């Protein structure tokens, strides 16, 4: 492999390793967010959300630059090929390098799924908490019941019912 190709391959490895690192950090921050949610620590939660925004921006930026680097490397290794992608690159590289890139891709996919599971768990917790608070507030703010109870335990509403539904004659 020529020198420019080796440099681009190192750049690609570096980007993939950085993306993996950022996903690890994202997962840890999502765990921290879970703890903040459960403890009700709002200030720590706000800090965690800001960190999550920074991490997701970094991941997005890295993720978007990987195809460009793969395309450049494909262009160096196979200038005659029209379609330049990571898939083509895997066929052009020696088996060891291809396996390393595939390993990175599998690791990234596992980390994405792990992050999604934690995120879904946090989302469910937030939704359940909001539902609980909504129900609690509705109990506290419910209008006074204007129903009238008689001695026999039969409940009558003061609102007049239509004549056809009224049993009293």
Protein backbone atom coordinates (compact mmCIF):
# COMPACT_ATOMS: atom_id res chain seq x y z
CA UNK A 1 0.00 0.00 0.00
CA UNK A 2 1.36 3.43 -0.89
CA UNK A 3 2.06 6.23 1.57
CA UNK A 4 -1.05 8.38 0.90
CA UNK A 5 -3.27 5.31 1.26
CA UNK A 6 -1.63 4.37 4.58
CA UNK A 7 -2.14 7.90 5.89
CA UNK A 8 -5.81 7.89 4.87
CA UNK A 9 -6.26 4.44 6.41
CA UNK A 10 -4.76 5.70 9.69
CA UNK A 11 -7.13 8.68 9.51
CA UNK A 12 -10.07 6.33 8.99
CA UNK A 13 -9.02 4.17 11.95
CA UNK A 14 -8.60 7.28 14.04
CA UNK A 15 -12.08 8.55 13.15
CA UNK A 16 -13.67 5.19 13.92
CA UNK A 17 -11.83 4.91 17.24
CA UNK A 18 -12.90 8.46 18.13
CA UNK A 19 -16.51 7.63 17.27
CA UNK A 20 -16.35 4.54 19.50
CA UNK A 21 -14.90 6.63 22.33
CA UNK A 22 -17.65 9.24 21.92
CA UNK A 23 -20.31 6.51 22.02
CA UNK A 24 -18.79 5.15 25.25
CA UNK A 25 -18.93 8.65 26.72
CA UNK A 26 -22.50 9.05 25.46
CA UNK A 27 -23.53 5.79 27.14
CA UNK A 28 -21.97 6.88 30.42
CA UNK A 29 -23.69 10.25 30.20
CA UNK A 30 -27.02 8.54 29.52
CA UNK A 31 -26.48 6.43 32.65
CA UNK A 32 -25.73 9.62 34.56
CA UNK A 33 -28.93 11.11 33.16
CA UNK A 34 -30.85 8.06 34.44
CA UNK A 35 -29.50 8.63 37.92
CA UNK A 36 -30.37 12.33 37.79
CA UNK A 37 -33.91 11.48 36.72
CA UNK A 38 -34.38 8.96 39.52
CA UNK A 39 -32.94 11.26 42.17
CA UNK A 40 -34.81 14.28 40.86
CA UNK A 41 -31.59 16.31 40.60
CA UNK A 42 -32.68 18.97 38.13
CA UNK A 43 -29.43 20.95 37.99
CA UNK A 44 -27.37 17.83 37.39
CA UNK A 45 -29.92 16.75 34.79
CA UNK A 46 -29.57 20.05 32.92
CA UNK A 47 -25.77 19.68 32.93
CA UNK A 48 -26.13 16.12 31.69
CA UNK A 49 -28.44 17.22 28.87
CA UNK A 50 -25.90 19.84 27.81
CA UNK A 51 -23.16 17.20 27.82
CA UNK A 52 -25.37 14.90 25.77
CA UNK A 53 -25.87 17.64 23.20
CA UNK A 54 -22.11 18.16 22.91
CA UNK A 55 -21.45 14.42 22.61
CA UNK A 56 -24.13 13.87 19.98
CA UNK A 57 -22.78 16.80 17.96
CA UNK A 58 -19.29 15.31 18.10
CA UNK A 59 -20.58 11.87 17.08
CA UNK A 60 -22.55 13.35 14.19
CA UNK A 61 -19.53 15.31 12.98
CA UNK A 62 -17.25 12.25 13.14
CA UNK A 63 -19.88 9.99 11.57
CA UNK A 64 -20.31 12.39 8.66
CA UNK A 65 -16.56 12.57 8.00
CA UNK A 66 -16.01 8.79 7.84
CA UNK A 67 -17.61 8.28 4.38
CA UNK A 68 -15.51 11.14 2.97
CA UNK A 69 -12.30 9.59 4.25
CA UNK A 70 -13.36 6.17 2.96
CA UNK A 71 -14.14 7.72 -0.43
CA UNK A 72 -10.70 9.38 -0.61
CA UNK A 73 -9.02 6.11 0.32
CA UNK A 74 -11.08 4.22 -2.28
CA UNK A 75 -10.08 6.82 -4.86
CA UNK A 76 -6.38 6.29 -4.06
CA UNK A 77 -6.65 2.48 -4.10
CA UNK A 78 -8.99 2.18 -7.10
CA UNK A 79 -9.14 5.39 -9.12
CA UNK A 80 -10.98 3.64 -11.96
CA UNK A 81 -13.99 2.72 -9.77
CA UNK A 82 -16.97 5.05 -9.98
CA UNK A 83 -18.75 4.06 -6.78
CA UNK A 84 -16.50 4.86 -3.85
CA UNK A 85 -17.79 3.74 -0.49
CA UNK A 86 -16.83 1.92 2.66
CA UNK A 87 -18.21 -1.30 1.17
CA UNK A 88 -15.93 -0.99 -1.87
CA UNK A 89 -13.05 -0.10 0.40
CA UNK A 90 -13.46 -3.35 2.33
CA UNK A 91 -12.93 -5.30 -0.88
CA UNK A 92 -9.81 -3.27 -1.78
CA UNK A 93 -8.01 -3.53 1.55
CA UNK A 94 -5.97 -6.48 2.79
CA UNK A 95 -7.97 -8.94 4.93
CA UNK A 96 -6.50 -7.71 8.23
CA UNK A 97 -7.48 -4.11 7.56
CA UNK A 98 -10.93 -5.13 6.30
CA UNK A 99 -11.54 -7.19 9.43
CA UNK A 100 -10.44 -4.29 11.62
CA UNK A 101 -12.90 -1.92 9.92
CA UNK A 102 -15.69 -4.51 10.13
CA UNK A 103 -14.87 -4.94 13.82
CA UNK A 104 -15.18 -1.17 14.31
CA UNK A 105 -18.53 -1.21 12.52
CA UNK A 106 -19.86 -4.05 14.69
CA UNK A 107 -18.66 -2.31 17.85
CA UNK A 108 -20.29 0.93 16.77
CA UNK A 109 -23.56 -0.86 16.05
CA UNK A 110 -23.54 -2.50 19.51
CA UNK A 111 -22.82 0.85 21.14
CA UNK A 112 -25.65 2.51 19.20
CA UNK A 113 -28.09 -0.18 20.32
CA UNK A 114 -26.87 0.09 23.92
CA UNK A 115 -27.32 3.88 23.86
CA UNK A 116 -30.79 3.50 22.34
CA UNK A 117 -31.82 1.04 25.08
CA UNK A 118 -30.68 3.42 27.82
CA UNK A 119 -32.38 6.32 26.06
CA UNK A 120 -35.63 4.35 25.73
CA UNK A 121 -35.49 3.42 29.40
CA UNK A 122 -35.04 7.09 30.33
CA UNK A 123 -37.88 8.07 27.99
CA UNK A 124 -40.19 5.50 29.59
CA UNK A 125 -39.28 6.74 33.06
CA UNK A 126 -40.02 10.35 32.06
CA UNK A 127 -43.34 9.40 30.47
CA UNK A 128 -44.40 7.39 33.53
CA UNK A 129 -43.37 10.22 35.84
CA UNK A 130 -45.29 12.77 33.79
CA UNK A 131 -48.35 10.54 33.80
CA UNK A 132 -48.07 10.13 37.58
CA UNK A 133 -47.78 13.89 38.11
CA UNK A 134 -50.63 14.56 35.70
CA UNK A 135 -52.88 12.17 37.62
CA UNK A 136 -51.80 13.64 40.95
CA UNK A 137 -52.45 17.19 39.80
CA UNK A 138 -55.81 16.22 38.34
CA UNK A 139 -56.80 14.78 41.73
CA UNK A 140 -55.76 17.98 43.47
CA UNK A 141 -57.41 20.31 40.98
CA UNK A 142 -60.54 18.25 40.34
CA UNK A 143 -63.67 20.39 40.71
CA UNK A 144 -65.74 19.71 43.79
CA UNK A 145 -68.22 16.98 43.12
CA UNK A 146 -71.70 18.48 43.08
CA UNK A 147 -73.48 15.16 43.27
CA UNK A 148 -76.05 14.60 45.97
CA UNK A 149 -76.17 11.40 48.01
CA UNK A 150 -79.34 10.15 49.58
CA UNK A 151 -79.58 7.95 52.63
CA UNK A 152 -79.91 4.73 50.67
CA UNK A 153 -76.54 5.35 48.97
CA UNK A 154 -77.99 6.10 45.57
CA UNK A 155 -76.25 8.95 43.84
CA UNK A 156 -78.34 11.55 42.05
CA UNK A 157 -76.97 14.32 39.93
CA UNK A 158 -78.55 17.74 40.29
CA UNK A 159 -78.48 18.09 36.51
CA UNK A 160 -81.92 17.33 35.10
CA UNK A 161 -82.13 14.23 32.97
CA UNK A 162 -84.19 14.03 29.83
CA UNK A 163 -87.82 13.12 30.49
CA UNK A 164 -87.47 9.80 28.66
CA UNK A 165 -84.63 8.68 30.99
CA UNK A 166 -86.27 9.82 34.21
CA UNK A 167 -87.79 6.89 36.14
CA UNK A 168 -89.80 9.09 38.42
CA UNK A 169 -93.27 9.67 37.21
